[in-house]
Structure formats: C-alpha cells, structure tokens
Amino acid sequence: MIDPTINFGKNSVADFKVGVDNVIFSVDTQRNRLLILLVKRPHDPFANYYSLPGTLVCTGESLETAAYRTLSEKIEVENLYLEQLYTFGEPGRDPRENETSYEQRYLSVSYFALVRYEDTNLITKDNQKAVWHLLKETPQLAFDHNRILRYGYQRLRNKLEYSPIAFKVLPEAFTLNDLYQFYTTVLGENFSDYSNFRARLLKLGFLTDTGLKVSRGAGRPAALYRFDEDAFALLKDKPLVFI
C-alpha cells in the first residue's frame, strides 16, 4: 500500500538517462582461462579506469540495439547472443548525479553473453581499447561495474547447471575431458569429481559418440562426442542439473 503521507510532488519525478552495459565472458579452452571483456575509459568520470563495454541509449533506439551497437565497436564475433541480465538504478551509482543533486539519474540495463575466445577479434577505436582480462584478476572498475560483473558471473554459473550454453563455445566435436575442463575453468577445480561428471552427462542422453578418437600425449585415445540438439529438445522443459 502507498503511504499517503509521502509527497509525490512535481519535483519527485526523476529524470533518467538510460544506458546499457555488457558482461561478455569468454573461455579460452586452450589455456583454461575465464576472461571478461573490458574497456579503458579515456574520459571522466573514471578516466583511465577499466569498465564494462557500454553506452547511453540513443533517441529511437531499443535497449538491445544499443547493446549490440556498442559491442560492434569493440569486438568482432559471429552469432553473438545477448540476454538481458538485470537493471541497476540505485541513486548515486554514477558520480554525475551528484552534480545535479540527483535530479538526473543514470540507469543501467545490463546484458550477458558467452563467446568462443578463438572466434573473436578485438577492435581498437577512438582510444577505447577493448581487452580480455582474467576474471580472477579483475581490477576496481568504473561506476558499479564490479557489482554488475558479479551478477553476470553468477548468471553464467547458473546457466551451466540447467542449459547447454557450454556447447555454444566448445568445438563441434570434443572429448568429455574437454567438457570437464570447460566447467572447471568457470566453476573451479573442486566443483565435481570427473567420474561423477562423466556419468551424469552421459546418462542425460544428449551427447553422441562420433566413433572417432583423438590422441593427446601418452594416454589412451579419447572418444569424441557431439552435442545432440534434438535429443536435448526433449528435455528442455525438465529441471536439469548438469553438474
């Protein structure tokens, strides 16, 4: 119930500027590194700080279009899929609000994606150099972007439990150890025992043995698998836990 004693007068309505900020993760499967896309800011506020790639939304532009626009200036990648993560709009999240006594507020709608490291090309433009940064060594970021990044990382961890997002990043044919290494890179080495992980994934029935094997090092050749999207479609409405 609305408190009738609160004064919702003419001056109580905030003037919002709306921006988008993108949390773009990549897993370097060759070196088992979890990376986050960052941009160094050339101007105030937070000049020379790293931030998530973002932009203010232009007149007549949708939020999603703005998110894709700013990324197209920072990274080249095929088939990039973005999903909306969360909206951040607390007073004081942008220092420019202090200059107007909070009469003008800055709201951020964040987006989330995971891309294949090998398929990306970073773009340097207008002194805003995009870089891949190790997630575990993320510096203090501009604005509240460390908080946005934490939300994004939690979303990534959650999606690994119930969605086939990993197979969008792995090669078409992969070993079960490749898949296990992907999960340990994102979740940490102690997330699961390999034998239990292997048994659970094979039991779900959407991995197809290609009949091919690959030799790496002195060990026995390992079977190559493919993700069967049709088999997964039969399970997509059921609660799955991959790990």
Protein backbone atom coordinates (compact mmCIF):
# COMPACT_ATOMS: atom_id res chain seq x y z
CA MET A 1 0.00 0.00 0.00
CA ILE A 2 1.25 3.50 -0.85
CA ASP A 3 1.98 5.68 2.17
CA PRO A 4 -0.47 8.65 1.89
CA THR A 5 1.93 10.88 3.83
CA ILE A 6 4.57 10.76 1.08
CA ASN A 7 4.64 13.85 -1.09
CA PHE A 8 4.73 12.84 -4.74
CA GLY A 9 5.01 16.40 -5.95
CA LYS A 10 6.22 17.74 -9.25
CA ASN A 11 9.88 17.63 -8.24
CA SER A 12 9.77 13.97 -7.08
CA VAL A 13 9.91 12.52 -10.59
CA ALA A 14 13.47 11.60 -11.59
CA ASP A 15 14.91 12.48 -14.99
CA PHE A 16 16.57 9.26 -16.15
CA LYS A 17 19.32 8.69 -18.66
CA VAL A 18 19.32 5.04 -19.71
CA GLY A 19 22.42 3.10 -20.66
CA VAL A 20 23.36 -0.49 -21.38
CA ASP A 21 26.40 -2.33 -20.01
CA ASN A 22 27.54 -5.67 -21.41
CA VAL A 23 29.02 -8.53 -19.39
CA ILE A 24 30.81 -10.58 -22.06
CA PHE A 25 32.59 -13.73 -20.92
CA SER A 26 34.90 -15.94 -22.92
CA VAL A 27 36.53 -19.25 -22.08
CA ASP A 28 39.97 -19.79 -23.57
CA THR A 29 39.74 -23.58 -23.85
CA GLN A 30 43.39 -23.91 -24.95
CA ARG A 31 44.74 -22.35 -21.74
CA ASN A 32 41.74 -22.93 -19.45
CA ARG A 33 41.17 -19.23 -18.72
CA LEU A 34 37.91 -17.48 -17.93
CA LEU A 35 38.01 -13.98 -19.42
CA ILE A 36 35.88 -10.83 -19.25
CA LEU A 37 35.75 -8.10 -21.90
CA LEU A 38 36.80 -4.69 -20.52
CA VAL A 39 37.38 -1.22 -21.98
CA LYS A 40 39.67 1.51 -20.59
CA ARG A 41 37.81 4.80 -20.25
CA PRO A 42 39.63 7.78 -21.84
CA HIS A 43 37.49 10.47 -20.19
CA ASP A 44 35.86 11.36 -16.90
CA PRO A 45 34.09 10.14 -14.98
CA PHE A 46 36.60 7.42 -14.07
CA ALA A 47 39.20 8.35 -16.68
CA ASN A 48 41.80 5.56 -17.13
CA TYR A 49 39.66 3.07 -15.23
CA TYR A 50 38.51 -0.12 -16.87
CA SER A 51 34.78 -0.63 -17.30
CA LEU A 52 32.35 -3.00 -18.95
CA PRO A 53 31.63 -2.01 -22.57
CA GLY A 54 28.52 0.17 -22.53
CA THR A 55 26.75 3.17 -23.98
CA LEU A 56 23.82 5.51 -23.41
CA VAL A 57 20.72 4.63 -25.40
CA CYS A 58 20.07 6.96 -28.34
CA THR A 59 16.73 8.50 -29.27
CA GLY A 60 14.56 5.96 -31.05
CA GLU A 61 16.92 3.08 -30.24
CA SER A 62 15.91 -0.09 -28.42
CA LEU A 63 17.91 -1.35 -25.46
CA GLU A 64 19.01 -4.45 -27.36
CA THR A 65 20.09 -2.43 -30.39
CA ALA A 66 22.19 -0.18 -28.15
CA ALA A 67 23.82 -3.23 -26.57
CA TYR A 68 24.73 -4.70 -29.95
CA ARG A 69 25.88 -1.30 -31.23
CA THR A 70 28.44 -0.75 -28.50
CA LEU A 71 29.75 -4.29 -28.83
CA SER A 72 30.12 -3.96 -32.60
CA GLU A 73 32.58 -1.14 -31.88
CA LYS A 74 34.66 -3.30 -29.53
CA ILE A 75 34.59 -6.88 -30.81
CA GLU A 76 34.04 -8.88 -33.97
CA VAL A 77 32.35 -12.24 -33.38
CA GLU A 78 29.96 -14.49 -35.27
CA ASN A 79 26.49 -15.31 -33.94
CA LEU A 80 26.70 -13.28 -30.75
CA TYR A 81 23.72 -13.97 -28.47
CA LEU A 82 22.86 -11.45 -25.76
CA GLU A 83 20.33 -11.88 -23.00
CA GLN A 84 19.19 -9.25 -20.53
CA LEU A 85 20.77 -9.69 -17.13
CA TYR A 86 19.50 -7.09 -14.64
CA THR A 87 18.65 -3.41 -14.24
CA PHE A 88 20.76 -1.24 -11.93
CA GLY A 89 19.28 2.10 -10.94
CA GLU A 90 20.18 2.95 -7.36
CA PRO A 91 20.72 6.65 -6.61
CA GLY A 92 24.38 7.61 -6.62
CA ARG A 93 25.64 4.85 -8.90
CA ASP A 94 27.02 7.50 -11.28
CA PRO A 95 29.04 10.48 -9.92
CA ARG A 96 27.39 12.79 -12.48
CA GLU A 97 24.22 12.54 -10.41
CA ASN A 98 25.91 14.50 -7.62
CA GLU A 99 26.39 17.44 -9.96
CA THR A 100 22.61 17.83 -10.29
CA SER A 101 21.65 16.86 -6.73
CA TYR A 102 20.19 13.61 -8.09
CA GLU A 103 17.73 15.47 -10.33
CA GLN A 104 19.24 13.46 -13.18
CA ARG A 105 19.72 9.75 -12.64
CA TYR A 106 21.67 7.14 -14.62
CA LEU A 107 20.05 3.75 -15.03
CA SER A 108 21.91 0.76 -16.49
CA VAL A 109 20.28 -2.21 -18.18
CA SER A 110 22.90 -4.96 -18.33
CA TYR A 111 23.26 -7.73 -20.89
CA PHE A 112 25.12 -11.03 -20.65
CA ALA A 113 26.87 -13.27 -23.21
CA LEU A 114 29.41 -16.06 -23.52
CA VAL A 115 31.53 -16.21 -26.69
CA ARG A 116 34.18 -18.52 -28.12
CA TYR A 117 37.59 -16.97 -27.49
CA GLU A 118 39.11 -18.32 -30.70
CA ASP A 119 36.33 -16.76 -32.81
CA THR A 120 36.67 -13.19 -31.55
CA ASN A 121 38.65 -10.23 -32.83
CA LEU A 122 39.09 -7.17 -30.62
CA ILE A 123 38.78 -3.70 -32.12
CA THR A 124 40.77 -0.62 -31.13
CA LYS A 125 38.82 2.57 -31.85
CA ASP A 126 38.72 6.12 -30.50
CA ASN A 127 41.31 5.36 -27.81
CA GLN A 128 38.92 2.89 -26.19
CA LYS A 129 40.91 -0.30 -26.35
CA ALA A 130 38.93 -3.44 -25.61
CA VAL A 131 40.88 -6.17 -23.79
CA TRP A 132 40.24 -9.65 -22.48
CA HIS A 133 41.03 -9.68 -18.78
CA LEU A 134 41.31 -12.67 -16.46
CA LEU A 135 38.16 -12.71 -14.38
CA LYS A 136 40.01 -13.69 -11.21
CA GLU A 137 42.29 -10.66 -11.60
CA THR A 138 39.61 -8.07 -12.37
CA PRO A 139 40.70 -4.61 -11.11
CA GLN A 140 38.47 -2.00 -9.49
CA LEU A 141 36.13 -0.98 -12.30
CA ALA A 142 34.35 2.30 -13.02
CA PHE A 143 30.89 3.02 -11.61
CA ASP A 144 29.27 -0.07 -10.07
CA HIS A 145 30.59 -2.39 -12.75
CA ASN A 146 32.22 -4.80 -10.30
CA ARG A 147 28.74 -5.43 -8.90
CA ILE A 148 27.28 -5.88 -12.39
CA LEU A 149 30.11 -8.29 -13.19
CA ARG A 150 29.33 -10.34 -10.07
CA TYR A 151 25.71 -10.64 -11.22
CA GLY A 152 26.90 -11.75 -14.64
CA TYR A 153 29.26 -14.36 -13.26
CA GLN A 154 26.51 -15.81 -11.09
CA ARG A 155 24.25 -15.98 -14.15
CA LEU A 156 26.96 -17.85 -16.06
CA ARG A 157 27.40 -20.35 -13.22
CA ASN A 158 23.66 -20.91 -13.00
CA LYS A 159 23.26 -21.39 -16.74
CA LEU A 160 25.92 -24.10 -16.73
CA GLU A 161 23.66 -26.08 -14.41
CA TYR A 162 20.48 -26.04 -16.48
CA SER A 163 21.31 -25.03 -20.07
CA PRO A 164 23.59 -26.27 -22.88
CA ILE A 165 25.50 -22.98 -23.02
CA ALA A 166 28.87 -24.76 -22.88
CA PHE A 167 28.26 -26.40 -26.26
CA LYS A 168 28.00 -22.99 -27.93
CA VAL A 169 31.63 -22.37 -27.03
CA LEU A 170 33.25 -25.79 -27.39
CA PRO A 171 34.28 -27.13 -30.81
CA GLU A 172 31.68 -29.20 -32.63
CA ALA A 173 33.49 -32.42 -31.64
CA PHE A 174 35.00 -32.62 -28.16
CA THR A 175 36.16 -35.11 -25.56
CA LEU A 176 34.48 -35.48 -22.20
CA ASN A 177 37.68 -34.17 -20.64
CA ASP A 178 37.40 -31.04 -22.83
CA LEU A 179 33.90 -30.53 -21.44
CA TYR A 180 35.07 -31.17 -17.88
CA GLN A 181 37.92 -28.68 -18.26
CA PHE A 182 35.46 -26.08 -19.52
CA TYR A 183 33.33 -26.50 -16.40
CA THR A 184 36.32 -26.41 -14.06
CA THR A 185 37.57 -23.23 -15.74
CA VAL A 186 34.28 -21.49 -14.98
CA LEU A 187 33.30 -23.11 -11.67
CA GLY A 188 36.63 -24.01 -10.10
CA GLU A 189 38.52 -27.27 -9.84
CA ASN A 190 36.52 -28.65 -6.90
CA PHE A 191 33.05 -28.37 -8.42
CA SER A 192 32.74 -32.10 -9.20
CA ASP A 193 34.63 -35.35 -9.43
CA TYR A 194 35.40 -36.22 -13.08
CA SER A 195 33.91 -39.72 -12.94
CA ASN A 196 30.63 -38.43 -11.47
CA PHE A 197 30.52 -35.60 -14.00
CA ARG A 198 31.10 -38.04 -16.87
CA ALA A 199 28.43 -40.48 -15.68
CA ARG A 200 25.83 -37.74 -15.20
CA LEU A 201 26.36 -36.16 -18.61
CA LEU A 202 26.22 -39.48 -20.46
CA LYS A 203 23.08 -40.51 -18.58
CA LEU A 204 21.23 -37.39 -19.79
CA GLY A 205 21.48 -38.76 -23.33
CA PHE A 206 22.22 -35.70 -25.45
CA LEU A 207 25.88 -36.46 -26.13
CA THR A 208 26.51 -38.58 -29.23
CA ASP A 209 29.67 -40.63 -29.63
CA THR A 210 31.08 -39.81 -33.09
CA GLY A 211 33.00 -43.07 -33.28
CA LEU A 212 36.21 -41.07 -33.64
CA LYS A 213 39.06 -40.84 -31.17
CA VAL A 214 41.84 -38.35 -30.57
CA SER A 215 45.28 -38.92 -29.06
CA ARG A 216 46.77 -36.30 -26.78
CA GLY A 217 50.02 -37.10 -25.06
CA ALA A 218 50.92 -40.59 -23.89
CA GLY A 219 47.49 -41.62 -22.65
CA ARG A 220 44.85 -43.74 -24.35
CA PRO A 221 42.95 -42.15 -27.27
CA ALA A 222 39.80 -40.36 -26.09
CA ALA A 223 36.38 -40.61 -27.74
CA LEU A 224 34.99 -37.53 -29.48
CA TYR A 225 31.39 -36.51 -28.79
CA ARG A 226 28.89 -34.09 -30.30
CA PHE A 227 26.01 -32.27 -28.67
CA ASP A 228 22.68 -33.61 -29.97
CA GLU A 229 20.33 -30.64 -30.03
CA ASP A 230 17.30 -32.76 -30.99
CA ALA A 231 17.84 -35.08 -28.03
CA PHE A 232 18.21 -32.10 -25.72
CA ALA A 233 14.96 -30.58 -27.04
CA LEU A 234 13.06 -33.49 -25.46
CA LEU A 235 14.47 -32.49 -22.08
CA LYS A 236 14.45 -28.70 -22.28
CA ASP A 237 11.31 -28.26 -20.16
CA LYS A 238 12.57 -30.53 -17.39
CA PRO A 239 14.69 -29.33 -14.47
CA LEU A 240 18.23 -30.44 -15.32
CA VAL A 241 21.35 -30.25 -13.26
CA PHE A 242 24.42 -30.93 -15.39
CA ILE A 243 26.86 -30.78 -12.51
